PDB file of N, CA and C in Angstrom:
ATOM      1  N   UNK A   1     -20.475 -26.804  -7.710  1.00  0.00           N
ATOM      2  CA  UNK A   1     -19.350 -25.942  -8.025  1.00  0.00           C
ATOM      3  C   UNK A   1     -19.145 -24.957  -6.883  1.00  0.00           C
ATOM      4  N   UNK A   2     -17.926 -24.923  -6.339  1.00  0.00           N
ATOM      5  CA  UNK A   2     -17.616 -24.028  -5.239  1.00  0.00           C
ATOM      6  C   UNK A   2     -17.159 -22.679  -5.763  1.00  0.00           C
ATOM      7  N   UNK A   3     -17.701 -21.634  -5.193  1.00  0.00           N
ATOM      8  CA  UNK A   3     -17.256 -20.305  -5.599  1.00  0.00           C
ATOM      9  C   UNK A   3     -16.124 -19.863  -4.672  1.00  0.00           C
ATOM     10  N   UNK A   4     -15.164 -19.191  -5.242  1.00  0.00           N
ATOM     11  CA  UNK A   4     -14.031 -18.709  -4.451  1.00  0.00           C
ATOM     12  C   UNK A   4     -14.422 -17.403  -3.779  1.00  0.00           C
ATOM     13  N   UNK A   5     -14.258 -17.377  -2.477  1.00  0.00           N
ATOM     14  CA  UNK A   5     -14.583 -16.164  -1.743  1.00  0.00           C
ATOM     15  C   UNK A   5     -13.393 -15.221  -1.819  1.00  0.00           C
ATOM     16  N   UNK A   6     -13.693 -13.948  -1.990  1.00  0.00           N
ATOM     17  CA  UNK A   6     -12.637 -12.951  -2.088  1.00  0.00           C
ATOM     18  C   UNK A   6     -12.734 -11.983  -0.922  1.00  0.00           C
ATOM     19  N   UNK A   7     -11.560 -11.596  -0.428  1.00  0.00           N
ATOM     20  CA  UNK A   7     -11.484 -10.560   0.580  1.00  0.00           C
ATOM     21  C   UNK A   7     -11.126  -9.262  -0.122  1.00  0.00           C
ATOM     22  N   UNK A   8     -11.676  -8.184   0.363  1.00  0.00           N
ATOM     23  CA  UNK A   8     -11.333  -6.875  -0.177  1.00  0.00           C
ATOM     24  C   UNK A   8     -10.496  -6.160   0.870  1.00  0.00           C
ATOM     25  N   UNK A   9      -9.319  -5.706   0.420  1.00  0.00           N
ATOM     26  CA  UNK A   9      -8.418  -4.998   1.323  1.00  0.00           C
ATOM     27  C   UNK A   9      -8.231  -3.590   0.779  1.00  0.00           C
ATOM     28  N   UNK A  10      -8.493  -2.606   1.613  1.00  0.00           N
ATOM     29  CA  UNK A  10      -8.342  -1.209   1.218  1.00  0.00           C
ATOM     30  C   UNK A  10      -7.120  -0.653   1.932  1.00  0.00           C
ATOM     31  N   UNK A  11      -6.174  -0.124   1.149  1.00  0.00           N
ATOM     32  CA  UNK A  11      -4.952   0.445   1.721  1.00  0.00           C
ATOM     33  C   UNK A  11      -4.729   1.837   1.149  1.00  0.00           C
ATOM     34  N   UNK A  12      -3.905   2.577   1.838  1.00  0.00           N
ATOM     35  CA  UNK A  12      -3.529   3.919   1.389  1.00  0.00           C
ATOM     36  C   UNK A  12      -2.003   3.949   1.293  1.00  0.00           C
ATOM     37  N   UNK A  13      -1.444   3.623   0.097  1.00  0.00           N
ATOM     38  CA  UNK A  13       0.017   3.572  -0.037  1.00  0.00           C
ATOM     39  C   UNK A  13       0.660   4.935   0.174  1.00  0.00           C
ATOM     40  N   UNK A  14       1.756   4.952   0.910  1.00  0.00           N
ATOM     41  CA  UNK A  14       2.488   6.184   1.179  1.00  0.00           C
ATOM     42  C   UNK A  14       3.765   6.187   0.347  1.00  0.00           C
ATOM     43  N   UNK A  15       3.642   6.575  -0.909  1.00  0.00           N
ATOM     44  CA  UNK A  15       4.780   6.608  -1.811  1.00  0.00           C
ATOM     45  C   UNK A  15       5.647   7.828  -1.515  1.00  0.00           C
ATOM     46  N   UNK A  16       6.953   7.696  -1.731  1.00  0.00           N
ATOM     47  CA  UNK A  16       7.876   8.798  -1.455  1.00  0.00           C
ATOM     48  C   UNK A  16       7.511  10.065  -2.215  1.00  0.00           C
ATOM     49  N   UNK A  17       7.157   9.921  -3.488  1.00  0.00           N
ATOM     50  CA  UNK A  17       6.813  11.099  -4.288  1.00  0.00           C
ATOM     51  C   UNK A  17       5.572  11.787  -3.732  1.00  0.00           C
ATOM     52  N   UNK A  18       4.608  10.996  -3.277  1.00  0.00           N
ATOM     53  CA  UNK A  18       3.384  11.564  -2.705  1.00  0.00           C
ATOM     54  C   UNK A  18       3.660  12.218  -1.351  1.00  0.00           C
ATOM     55  N   UNK A  19       4.535  11.599  -0.558  1.00  0.00           N
ATOM     56  CA  UNK A  19       4.909  12.202   0.724  1.00  0.00           C
ATOM     57  C   UNK A  19       5.578  13.552   0.507  1.00  0.00           C
ATOM     58  N   UNK A  20       6.414  13.630  -0.531  1.00  0.00           N
ATOM     59  CA  UNK A  20       7.106  14.875  -0.845  1.00  0.00           C
ATOM     60  C   UNK A  20       6.109  15.980  -1.209  1.00  0.00           C
ATOM     61  N   UNK A  21       5.137  15.652  -2.073  1.00  0.00           N
ATOM     62  CA  UNK A  21       4.168  16.681  -2.470  1.00  0.00           C
ATOM     63  C   UNK A  21       3.269  17.079  -1.296  1.00  0.00           C
ATOM     64  N   UNK A  22       2.934  16.105  -0.449  1.00  0.00           N
ATOM     65  CA  UNK A  22       2.130  16.429   0.736  1.00  0.00           C
ATOM     66  C   UNK A  22       2.929  17.335   1.667  1.00  0.00           C
ATOM     67  N   UNK A  23       4.209  17.031   1.846  1.00  0.00           N
ATOM     68  CA  UNK A  23       5.085  17.863   2.686  1.00  0.00           C
ATOM     69  C   UNK A  23       5.208  19.280   2.153  1.00  0.00           C
ATOM     70  N   UNK A  24       5.283  19.402   0.825  1.00  0.00           N
ATOM     71  CA  UNK A  24       5.336  20.733   0.220  1.00  0.00           C
ATOM     72  C   UNK A  24       4.038  21.490   0.482  1.00  0.00           C
ATOM     73  N   UNK A  25       2.907  20.792   0.363  1.00  0.00           N
ATOM     74  CA  UNK A  25       1.623  21.459   0.617  1.00  0.00           C
ATOM     75  C   UNK A  25       1.520  21.927   2.056  1.00  0.00           C
ATOM     76  N   UNK A  26       1.858  21.040   2.995  1.00  0.00           N
ATOM     77  CA  UNK A  26       1.639  21.368   4.410  1.00  0.00           C
ATOM     78  C   UNK A  26       2.566  22.485   4.895  1.00  0.00           C
ATOM     79  N   UNK A  27       3.741  22.619   4.277  1.00  0.00           N
ATOM     80  CA  UNK A  27       4.654  23.686   4.693  1.00  0.00           C
ATOM     81  C   UNK A  27       4.347  25.016   4.030  1.00  0.00           C
ATOM     82  N   UNK A  28       3.637  24.995   2.898  1.00  0.00           N
ATOM     83  CA  UNK A  28       3.324  26.245   2.200  1.00  0.00           C
ATOM     84  C   UNK A  28       1.844  26.615   2.272  1.00  0.00           C
ATOM     85  N   UNK A  29       1.059  25.847   2.983  1.00  0.00           N
ATOM     86  CA  UNK A  29      -0.381  26.086   3.050  1.00  0.00           C
ATOM     87  C   UNK A  29      -0.694  27.394   3.781  1.00  0.00           C
ATOM     88  N   UNK A  30      -1.720  28.053   3.303  1.00  0.00           N
ATOM     89  CA  UNK A  30      -2.197  29.269   3.955  1.00  0.00           C
ATOM     90  C   UNK A  30      -3.261  28.850   4.971  1.00  0.00           C
ATOM     91  N   UNK A  31      -2.966  29.023   6.229  1.00  0.00           N
ATOM     92  CA  UNK A  31      -3.853  28.555   7.307  1.00  0.00           C
ATOM     93  C   UNK A  31      -4.792  29.650   7.817  1.00  0.00           C
ATOM     94  N   UNK A  32      -5.084  30.662   6.987  1.00  0.00           N
ATOM     95  CA  UNK A  32      -5.937  31.779   7.415  1.00  0.00           C
ATOM     96  C   UNK A  32      -7.308  31.316   7.885  1.00  0.00           C
ATOM     97  N   UNK A  33      -7.909  30.335   7.156  1.00  0.00           N
ATOM     98  CA  UNK A  33      -9.239  29.852   7.561  1.00  0.00           C
ATOM     99  C   UNK A  33      -9.196  29.239   8.950  1.00  0.00           C
ATOM    100  N   UNK A  34      -8.128  28.514   9.247  1.00  0.00           N
ATOM    101  CA  UNK A  34      -8.012  27.872  10.564  1.00  0.00           C
ATOM    102  C   UNK A  34      -7.818  28.935  11.642  1.00  0.00           C
ATOM    103  N   UNK A  35      -6.918  29.877  11.406  1.00  0.00           N
ATOM    104  CA  UNK A  35      -6.631  30.906  12.409  1.00  0.00           C
ATOM    105  C   UNK A  35      -7.789  31.876  12.607  1.00  0.00           C
ATOM    106  N   UNK A  36      -8.576  32.098  11.569  1.00  0.00           N
ATOM    107  CA  UNK A  36      -9.666  33.067  11.688  1.00  0.00           C
ATOM    108  C   UNK A  36     -10.942  32.467  12.285  1.00  0.00           C
ATOM    109  N   UNK A  37     -10.961  31.166  12.529  1.00  0.00           N
ATOM    110  CA  UNK A  37     -12.148  30.541  13.122  1.00  0.00           C
ATOM    111  C   UNK A  37     -12.363  31.089  14.539  1.00  0.00           C
ATOM    112  N   UNK A  38     -13.625  31.093  14.967  1.00  0.00           N
ATOM    113  CA  UNK A  38     -14.000  31.746  16.224  1.00  0.00           C
ATOM    114  C   UNK A  38     -13.482  31.036  17.471  1.00  0.00           C
ATOM    115  N   UNK A  39     -13.701  29.745  17.577  1.00  0.00           N
ATOM    116  CA  UNK A  39     -13.301  29.042  18.792  1.00  0.00           C
ATOM    117  C   UNK A  39     -12.444  27.822  18.440  1.00  0.00           C
ATOM    118  N   UNK A  40     -11.964  27.154  19.466  1.00  0.00           N
ATOM    119  CA  UNK A  40     -11.060  26.020  19.279  1.00  0.00           C
ATOM    120  C   UNK A  40     -11.737  24.892  18.503  1.00  0.00           C
ATOM    121  N   UNK A  41     -13.004  24.625  18.793  1.00  0.00           N
ATOM    122  CA  UNK A  41     -13.710  23.537  18.119  1.00  0.00           C
ATOM    123  C   UNK A  41     -13.816  23.789  16.625  1.00  0.00           C
ATOM    124  N   UNK A  42     -14.165  24.992  16.237  1.00  0.00           N
ATOM    125  CA  UNK A  42     -14.277  25.306  14.811  1.00  0.00           C
ATOM    126  C   UNK A  42     -12.903  25.321  14.135  1.00  0.00           C
ATOM    127  N   UNK A  43     -11.865  25.730  14.868  1.00  0.00           N
ATOM    128  CA  UNK A  43     -10.499  25.676  14.327  1.00  0.00           C
ATOM    129  C   UNK A  43     -10.101  24.228  14.059  1.00  0.00           C
ATOM    130  N   UNK A  44     -10.407  23.362  15.005  1.00  0.00           N
ATOM    131  CA  UNK A  44     -10.083  21.950  14.847  1.00  0.00           C
ATOM    132  C   UNK A  44     -10.863  21.339  13.688  1.00  0.00           C
ATOM    133  N   UNK A  45     -12.130  21.687  13.561  1.00  0.00           N
ATOM    134  CA  UNK A  45     -12.951  21.186  12.446  1.00  0.00           C
ATOM    135  C   UNK A  45     -12.377  21.630  11.100  1.00  0.00           C
ATOM    136  N   UNK A  46     -12.041  22.907  10.996  1.00  0.00           N
ATOM    137  CA  UNK A  46     -11.491  23.440   9.747  1.00  0.00           C
ATOM    138  C   UNK A  46     -10.146  22.786   9.409  1.00  0.00           C
ATOM    139  N   UNK A  47      -9.299  22.630  10.413  1.00  0.00           N
ATOM    140  CA  UNK A  47      -8.003  21.971  10.206  1.00  0.00           C
ATOM    141  C   UNK A  47      -8.211  20.524   9.738  1.00  0.00           C
ATOM    142  N   UNK A  48      -9.135  19.821  10.375  1.00  0.00           N
ATOM    143  CA  UNK A  48      -9.427  18.439  10.001  1.00  0.00           C
ATOM    144  C   UNK A  48      -9.955  18.324   8.579  1.00  0.00           C
ATOM    145  N   UNK A  49     -10.826  19.255   8.183  1.00  0.00           N
ATOM    146  CA  UNK A  49     -11.371  19.249   6.822  1.00  0.00           C
ATOM    147  C   UNK A  49     -10.264  19.440   5.788  1.00  0.00           C
ATOM    148  N   UNK A  50      -9.409  20.448   6.028  1.00  0.00           N
ATOM    149  CA  UNK A  50      -8.329  20.726   5.083  1.00  0.00           C
ATOM    150  C   UNK A  50      -7.350  19.544   5.010  1.00  0.00           C
ATOM    151  N   UNK A  51      -7.006  18.987   6.159  1.00  0.00           N
ATOM    152  CA  UNK A  51      -6.063  17.874   6.195  1.00  0.00           C
ATOM    153  C   UNK A  51      -6.643  16.634   5.515  1.00  0.00           C
ATOM    154  N   UNK A  52      -7.903  16.326   5.798  1.00  0.00           N
ATOM    155  CA  UNK A  52      -8.545  15.153   5.186  1.00  0.00           C
ATOM    156  C   UNK A  52      -8.622  15.299   3.671  1.00  0.00           C
ATOM    157  N   UNK A  53      -8.931  16.498   3.203  1.00  0.00           N
ATOM    158  CA  UNK A  53      -9.014  16.747   1.767  1.00  0.00           C
ATOM    159  C   UNK A  53      -7.659  16.512   1.098  1.00  0.00           C
ATOM    160  N   UNK A  54      -6.594  16.983   1.723  1.00  0.00           N
ATOM    161  CA  UNK A  54      -5.256  16.833   1.144  1.00  0.00           C
ATOM    162  C   UNK A  54      -4.745  15.395   1.251  1.00  0.00           C
ATOM    163  N   UNK A  55      -5.075  14.708   2.333  1.00  0.00           N
ATOM    164  CA  UNK A  55      -4.684  13.292   2.461  1.00  0.00           C
ATOM    165  C   UNK A  55      -5.353  12.490   1.361  1.00  0.00           C
ATOM    166  N   UNK A  56      -6.617  12.761   1.107  1.00  0.00           N
ATOM    167  CA  UNK A  56      -7.341  12.054   0.040  1.00  0.00           C
ATOM    168  C   UNK A  56      -6.743  12.377  -1.331  1.00  0.00           C
ATOM    169  N   UNK A  57      -6.304  13.614  -1.510  1.00  0.00           N
ATOM    170  CA  UNK A  57      -5.719  14.027  -2.782  1.00  0.00           C
ATOM    171  C   UNK A  57      -4.339  13.400  -2.998  1.00  0.00           C
ATOM    172  N   UNK A  58      -3.490  13.447  -1.975  1.00  0.00           N
ATOM    173  CA  UNK A  58      -2.105  12.979  -2.109  1.00  0.00           C
ATOM    174  C   UNK A  58      -1.949  11.469  -1.903  1.00  0.00           C
ATOM    175  N   UNK A  59      -2.811  10.874  -1.103  1.00  0.00           N
ATOM    176  CA  UNK A  59      -2.709   9.449  -0.798  1.00  0.00           C
ATOM    177  C   UNK A  59      -4.034   8.740  -1.064  1.00  0.00           C
ATOM    178  N   UNK A  60      -4.406   8.581  -2.328  1.00  0.00           N
ATOM    179  CA  UNK A  60      -5.687   7.933  -2.628  1.00  0.00           C
ATOM    180  C   UNK A  60      -5.674   6.462  -2.206  1.00  0.00           C
ATOM    181  N   UNK A  61      -6.834   5.953  -1.877  1.00  0.00           N
ATOM    182  CA  UNK A  61      -6.929   4.558  -1.450  1.00  0.00           C
ATOM    183  C   UNK A  61      -6.850   3.630  -2.654  1.00  0.00           C
ATOM    184  N   UNK A  62      -6.318   2.443  -2.410  1.00  0.00           N
ATOM    185  CA  UNK A  62      -6.272   1.394  -3.422  1.00  0.00           C
ATOM    186  C   UNK A  62      -7.020   0.195  -2.873  1.00  0.00           C
ATOM    187  N   UNK A  63      -7.746  -0.461  -3.751  1.00  0.00           N
ATOM    188  CA  UNK A  63      -8.523  -1.628  -3.341  1.00  0.00           C
ATOM    189  C   UNK A  63      -7.885  -2.865  -3.950  1.00  0.00           C
ATOM    190  N   UNK A  64      -7.599  -3.838  -3.107  1.00  0.00           N
ATOM    191  CA  UNK A  64      -7.034  -5.103  -3.556  1.00  0.00           C
ATOM    192  C   UNK A  64      -8.039  -6.206  -3.286  1.00  0.00           C
ATOM    193  N   UNK A  65      -8.184  -7.095  -4.251  1.00  0.00           N
ATOM    194  CA  UNK A  65      -9.045  -8.267  -4.101  1.00  0.00           C
ATOM    195  C   UNK A  65      -8.137  -9.469  -3.894  1.00  0.00           C
ATOM    196  N   UNK A  66      -8.371 -10.195  -2.806  1.00  0.00           N
ATOM    197  CA  UNK A  66      -7.560 -11.364  -2.498  1.00  0.00           C
ATOM    198  C   UNK A  66      -8.464 -12.563  -2.281  1.00  0.00           C
ATOM    199  N   UNK A  67      -7.905 -13.713  -2.487  1.00  0.00           N
ATOM    200  CA  UNK A  67      -8.626 -14.933  -2.138  1.00  0.00           C
ATOM    201  C   UNK A  67      -8.698 -15.009  -0.617  1.00  0.00           C
ATOM    202  N   UNK A  68      -9.762 -15.554  -0.100  1.00  0.00           N
ATOM    203  CA  UNK A  68      -9.927 -15.659   1.342  1.00  0.00           C
ATOM    204  C   UNK A  68      -8.834 -16.525   1.963  1.00  0.00           C
ATOM    205  N   UNK A  69      -8.281 -17.448   1.169  1.00  0.00           N
ATOM    206  CA  UNK A  69      -7.253 -18.343   1.694  1.00  0.00           C
ATOM    207  C   UNK A  69      -5.840 -17.789   1.540  1.00  0.00           C
ATOM    208  N   UNK A  70      -5.679 -16.575   1.004  1.00  0.00           N
ATOM    209  CA  UNK A  70      -4.347 -15.996   0.798  1.00  0.00           C
ATOM    210  C   UNK A  70      -3.657 -15.739   2.130  1.00  0.00           C
ATOM    211  N   UNK A  71      -2.358 -15.936   2.125  1.00  0.00           N
ATOM    212  CA  UNK A  71      -1.556 -15.646   3.311  1.00  0.00           C
ATOM    213  C   UNK A  71      -1.343 -14.141   3.414  1.00  0.00           C
ATOM    214  N   UNK A  72      -1.202 -13.641   4.643  1.00  0.00           N
ATOM    215  CA  UNK A  72      -1.034 -12.209   4.845  1.00  0.00           C
ATOM    216  C   UNK A  72       0.268 -11.697   4.240  1.00  0.00           C
ATOM    217  N   UNK A  73       1.283 -12.523   4.186  1.00  0.00           N
ATOM    218  CA  UNK A  73       2.592 -12.104   3.686  1.00  0.00           C
ATOM    219  C   UNK A  73       2.690 -12.167   2.175  1.00  0.00           C
ATOM    220  N   UNK A  74       1.694 -12.742   1.490  1.00  0.00           N
ATOM    221  CA  UNK A  74       1.746 -12.909   0.043  1.00  0.00           C
ATOM    222  C   UNK A  74       1.303 -11.608  -0.626  1.00  0.00           C
ATOM    223  N   UNK A  75       2.259 -10.718  -0.868  1.00  0.00           N
ATOM    224  CA  UNK A  75       1.957  -9.372  -1.360  1.00  0.00           C
ATOM    225  C   UNK A  75       1.791  -9.337  -2.871  1.00  0.00           C
ATOM    226  N   UNK A  76       1.365  -8.195  -3.367  1.00  0.00           N
ATOM    227  CA  UNK A  76       1.206  -8.000  -4.807  1.00  0.00           C
ATOM    228  C   UNK A  76       2.556  -8.094  -5.513  1.00  0.00           C
ATOM    229  N   UNK A  77       3.611  -7.619  -4.850  1.00  0.00           N
ATOM    230  CA  UNK A  77       4.959  -7.694  -5.438  1.00  0.00           C
ATOM    231  C   UNK A  77       5.363  -9.151  -5.651  1.00  0.00           C
ATOM    232  N   UNK A  78       5.077  -9.995  -4.683  1.00  0.00           N
ATOM    233  CA  UNK A  78       5.424 -11.416  -4.801  1.00  0.00           C
ATOM    234  C   UNK A  78       4.595 -12.061  -5.907  1.00  0.00           C
ATOM    235  N   UNK A  79       3.324 -11.657  -6.036  1.00  0.00           N
ATOM    236  CA  UNK A  79       2.480 -12.196  -7.112  1.00  0.00           C
ATOM    237  C   UNK A  79       3.058 -11.847  -8.480  1.00  0.00           C
ATOM    238  N   UNK A  80       3.549 -10.628  -8.644  1.00  0.00           N
ATOM    239  CA  UNK A  80       4.159 -10.211  -9.908  1.00  0.00           C
ATOM    240  C   UNK A  80       5.406 -11.046 -10.182  1.00  0.00           C
ATOM    241  N   UNK A  81       6.219 -11.259  -9.135  1.00  0.00           N
ATOM    242  CA  UNK A  81       7.426 -12.070  -9.306  1.00  0.00           C
ATOM    243  C   UNK A  81       7.081 -13.510  -9.700  1.00  0.00           C
ATOM    244  N   UNK A  82       6.039 -14.061  -9.098  1.00  0.00           N
ATOM    245  CA  UNK A  82       5.619 -15.426  -9.447  1.00  0.00           C
ATOM    246  C   UNK A  82       5.179 -15.479 -10.909  1.00  0.00           C
ATOM    247  N   UNK A  83       4.438 -14.460 -11.356  1.00  0.00           N
ATOM    248  CA  UNK A  83       4.028 -14.411 -12.765  1.00  0.00           C
ATOM    249  C   UNK A  83       5.237 -14.346 -13.696  1.00  0.00           C
ATOM    250  N   UNK A  84       6.260 -13.560 -13.316  1.00  0.00           N
ATOM    251  CA  UNK A  84       7.476 -13.475 -14.131  1.00  0.00           C
ATOM    252  C   UNK A  84       8.195 -14.818 -14.178  1.00  0.00           C
ATOM    253  N   UNK A  85       8.243 -15.492 -13.027  1.00  0.00           N
ATOM    254  CA  UNK A  85       8.896 -16.803 -12.990  1.00  0.00           C
ATOM    255  C   UNK A  85       8.165 -17.785 -13.896  1.00  0.00           C
ATOM    256  N   UNK A  86       6.836 -17.781 -13.824  1.00  0.00           N
ATOM    257  CA  UNK A  86       6.050 -18.679 -14.655  1.00  0.00           C
ATOM    258  C   UNK A  86       6.248 -18.375 -16.144  1.00  0.00           C
ATOM    259  N   UNK A  87       6.355 -17.095 -16.477  1.00  0.00           N
ATOM    260  CA  UNK A  87       6.585 -16.693 -17.863  1.00  0.00           C
ATOM    261  C   UNK A  87       7.957 -17.178 -18.336  1.00  0.00           C
ATOM    262  N   UNK A  88       8.973 -17.022 -17.494  1.00  0.00           N
ATOM    263  CA  UNK A  88      10.318 -17.498 -17.837  1.00  0.00           C
ATOM    264  C   UNK A  88      10.313 -19.017 -17.987  1.00  0.00           C
ATOM    265  N   UNK A  89       9.558 -19.700 -17.151  1.00  0.00           N
ATOM    266  CA  UNK A  89       9.464 -21.162 -17.234  1.00  0.00           C
ATOM    267  C   UNK A  89       8.819 -21.588 -18.558  1.00  0.00           C
ATOM    268  N   UNK A  90       7.741 -20.884 -18.949  1.00  0.00           N
ATOM    269  CA  UNK A  90       7.074 -21.198 -20.213  1.00  0.00           C
ATOM    270  C   UNK A  90       7.987 -20.942 -21.411  1.00  0.00           C
ATOM    271  N   UNK A  91       8.855 -19.934 -21.291  1.00  0.00           N
ATOM    272  CA  UNK A  91       9.788 -19.602 -22.374  1.00  0.00           C
ATOM    273  C   UNK A  91      11.071 -20.434 -22.315  1.00  0.00           C
ATOM    274  N   UNK A  92      11.103 -21.385 -21.381  1.00  0.00           N
ATOM    275  CA  UNK A  92      12.251 -22.282 -21.208  1.00  0.00           C
ATOM    276  C   UNK A  92      13.545 -21.524 -20.910  1.00  0.00           C
ATOM    277  N   UNK A  93      13.430 -20.449 -20.140  1.00  0.00           N
ATOM    278  CA  UNK A  93      14.596 -19.670 -19.735  1.00  0.00           C
ATOM    279  C   UNK A  93      14.999 -20.107 -18.323  1.00  0.00           C
ATOM    280  N   UNK A  94      15.906 -21.082 -18.263  1.00  0.00           N
ATOM    281  CA  UNK A  94      16.335 -21.628 -16.969  1.00  0.00           C
ATOM    282  C   UNK A  94      16.984 -20.545 -16.116  1.00  0.00           C
ATOM    283  N   UNK A  95      17.805 -19.710 -16.740  1.00  0.00           N
ATOM    284  CA  UNK A  95      18.480 -18.631 -16.019  1.00  0.00           C
ATOM    285  C   UNK A  95      17.457 -17.663 -15.421  1.00  0.00           C
ATOM    286  N   UNK A  96      16.450 -17.284 -16.234  1.00  0.00           N
ATOM    287  CA  UNK A  96      15.406 -16.372 -15.751  1.00  0.00           C
ATOM    288  C   UNK A  96      14.610 -16.967 -14.609  1.00  0.00           C
ATOM    289  N   UNK A  97      14.310 -18.253 -14.711  1.00  0.00           N
ATOM    290  CA  UNK A  97      13.549 -18.932 -13.650  1.00  0.00           C
ATOM    291  C   UNK A  97      14.332 -18.903 -12.348  1.00  0.00           C
ATOM    292  N   UNK A  98      15.625 -19.198 -12.413  1.00  0.00           N
ATOM    293  CA  UNK A  98      16.415 -19.258 -11.177  1.00  0.00           C
ATOM    294  C   UNK A  98      16.572 -17.886 -10.540  1.00  0.00           C
ATOM    295  N   UNK A  99      16.767 -16.866 -11.341  1.00  0.00           N
ATOM    296  CA  UNK A  99      16.919 -15.507 -10.792  1.00  0.00           C
ATOM    297  C   UNK A  99      15.625 -15.049 -10.124  1.00  0.00           C
ATOM    298  N   UNK A 100      14.518 -15.203 -10.819  1.00  0.00           N
ATOM    299  CA  UNK A 100      13.238 -14.748 -10.265  1.00  0.00           C
ATOM    300  C   UNK A 100      12.857 -15.577  -9.046  1.00  0.00           C
ATOM    301  N   UNK A 101      13.173 -16.871  -9.049  1.00  0.00           N
ATOM    302  CA  UNK A 101      12.881 -17.718  -7.890  1.00  0.00           C
ATOM    303  C   UNK A 101      13.628 -17.221  -6.662  1.00  0.00           C
ATOM    304  N   UNK A 102      14.880 -16.800  -6.845  1.00  0.00           N
ATOM    305  CA  UNK A 102      15.658 -16.250  -5.720  1.00  0.00           C
ATOM    306  C   UNK A 102      15.016 -14.980  -5.180  1.00  0.00           C
ATOM    307  N   UNK A 103      14.540 -14.104  -6.087  1.00  0.00           N
ATOM    308  CA  UNK A 103      13.850 -12.886  -5.656  1.00  0.00           C
ATOM    309  C   UNK A 103      12.575 -13.225  -4.880  1.00  0.00           C
ATOM    310  N   UNK A 104      11.836 -14.216  -5.351  1.00  0.00           N
ATOM    311  CA  UNK A 104      10.598 -14.619  -4.678  1.00  0.00           C
ATOM    312  C   UNK A 104      10.915 -15.128  -3.276  1.00  0.00           C
ATOM    313  N   UNK A 105      11.918 -15.977  -3.172  1.00  0.00           N
ATOM    314  CA  UNK A 105      12.272 -16.538  -1.867  1.00  0.00           C
ATOM    315  C   UNK A 105      12.714 -15.439  -0.901  1.00  0.00           C
ATOM    316  N   UNK A 106      13.522 -14.496  -1.400  1.00  0.00           N
ATOM    317  CA  UNK A 106      13.997 -13.396  -0.557  1.00  0.00           C
ATOM    318  C   UNK A 106      12.833 -12.513  -0.114  1.00  0.00           C
ATOM    319  N   UNK A 107      11.968 -12.142  -1.071  1.00  0.00           N
ATOM    320  CA  UNK A 107      10.837 -11.268  -0.751  1.00  0.00           C
ATOM    321  C   UNK A 107       9.854 -11.936   0.200  1.00  0.00           C
ATOM    322  N   UNK A 108       9.555 -13.208  -0.053  1.00  0.00           N
ATOM    323  CA  UNK A 108       8.589 -13.890   0.807  1.00  0.00           C
ATOM    324  C   UNK A 108       9.149 -14.084   2.208  1.00  0.00           C
ATOM    325  N   UNK A 109      10.456 -14.339   2.327  1.00  0.00           N
ATOM    326  CA  UNK A 109      11.061 -14.489   3.654  1.00  0.00           C
ATOM    327  C   UNK A 109      10.969 -13.178   4.426  1.00  0.00           C
ATOM    328  N   UNK A 110      11.254 -12.057   3.750  1.00  0.00           N
ATOM    329  CA  UNK A 110      11.150 -10.753   4.399  1.00  0.00           C
ATOM    330  C   UNK A 110       9.715 -10.467   4.826  1.00  0.00           C
ATOM    331  N   UNK A 111       8.763 -10.726   3.927  1.00  0.00           N
ATOM    332  CA  UNK A 111       7.359 -10.462   4.235  1.00  0.00           C
ATOM    333  C   UNK A 111       6.863 -11.339   5.379  1.00  0.00           C
ATOM    334  N   UNK A 112       7.294 -12.613   5.389  1.00  0.00           N
ATOM    335  CA  UNK A 112       6.883 -13.509   6.472  1.00  0.00           C
ATOM    336  C   UNK A 112       7.402 -12.995   7.804  1.00  0.00           C
ATOM    337  N   UNK A 113       8.662 -12.554   7.831  1.00  0.00           N
ATOM    338  CA  UNK A 113       9.250 -12.040   9.067  1.00  0.00           C
ATOM    339  C   UNK A 113       8.494 -10.817   9.551  1.00  0.00           C
ATOM    340  N   UNK A 114       8.184  -9.891   8.643  1.00  0.00           N
ATOM    341  CA  UNK A 114       7.437  -8.685   9.008  1.00  0.00           C
ATOM    342  C   UNK A 114       6.048  -9.073   9.511  1.00  0.00           C
ATOM    343  N   UNK A 115       5.396  -9.995   8.832  1.00  0.00           N
ATOM    344  CA  UNK A 115       4.044 -10.402   9.223  1.00  0.00           C
ATOM    345  C   UNK A 115       4.062 -11.055  10.596  1.00  0.00           C
ATOM    346  N   UNK A 116       5.046 -11.886  10.861  1.00  0.00           N
ATOM    347  CA  UNK A 116       5.140 -12.539  12.171  1.00  0.00           C
ATOM    348  C   UNK A 116       5.326 -11.502  13.267  1.00  0.00           C
ATOM    349  N   UNK A 117       6.204 -10.533  13.033  1.00  0.00           N
ATOM    350  CA  UNK A 117       6.443  -9.499  14.027  1.00  0.00           C
ATOM    351  C   UNK A 117       5.223  -8.602  14.200  1.00  0.00           C
ATOM    352  N   UNK A 118       4.552  -8.285  13.089  1.00  0.00           N
ATOM    353  CA  UNK A 118       3.428  -7.358  13.117  1.00  0.00           C
ATOM    354  C   UNK A 118       2.177  -7.984  13.737  1.00  0.00           C
ATOM    355  N   UNK A 119       1.886  -9.218  13.377  1.00  0.00           N
ATOM    356  CA  UNK A 119       0.642  -9.834  13.804  1.00  0.00           C
ATOM    357  C   UNK A 119       0.846 -10.897  14.895  1.00  0.00           C
ATOM    358  N   UNK A 120       2.082 -11.077  15.332  1.00  0.00           N
ATOM    359  CA  UNK A 120       2.408 -12.074  16.360  1.00  0.00           C
ATOM    360  C   UNK A 120       1.842 -13.457  16.029  1.00  0.00           C
ATOM    361  N   UNK A 121       2.139 -13.885  14.805  1.00  0.00           N
ATOM    362  CA  UNK A 121       1.629 -15.191  14.357  1.00  0.00           C
ATOM    363  C   UNK A 121       2.574 -16.279  14.836  1.00  0.00           C
TER     364      UNK A 121
END
């Protein structure tokens, strides 16, 4: 029996709502600790600590488990669309199958193009 190998991918999604809250924090933050530090090195350390803490708070990491044979362009969004198509197929909804299939084709074409440009495949 062959076991399926899984790849673990760790990403930090940059959602618009999270970017907005991070932007609000960075523009209203009190930088007294950074400015009151003695030398440039300690100022940089303090700034890095505060920034890292807020990045972790506003943009938490997400872990995705993928099959080792998965294509780079096959995103979680496309997987959800495929599941919806399969559900529509099981429910004998021809209209639903055709609509979701079009979304899958459009999304996968876009992802393939981005992946080719990004990774020079």
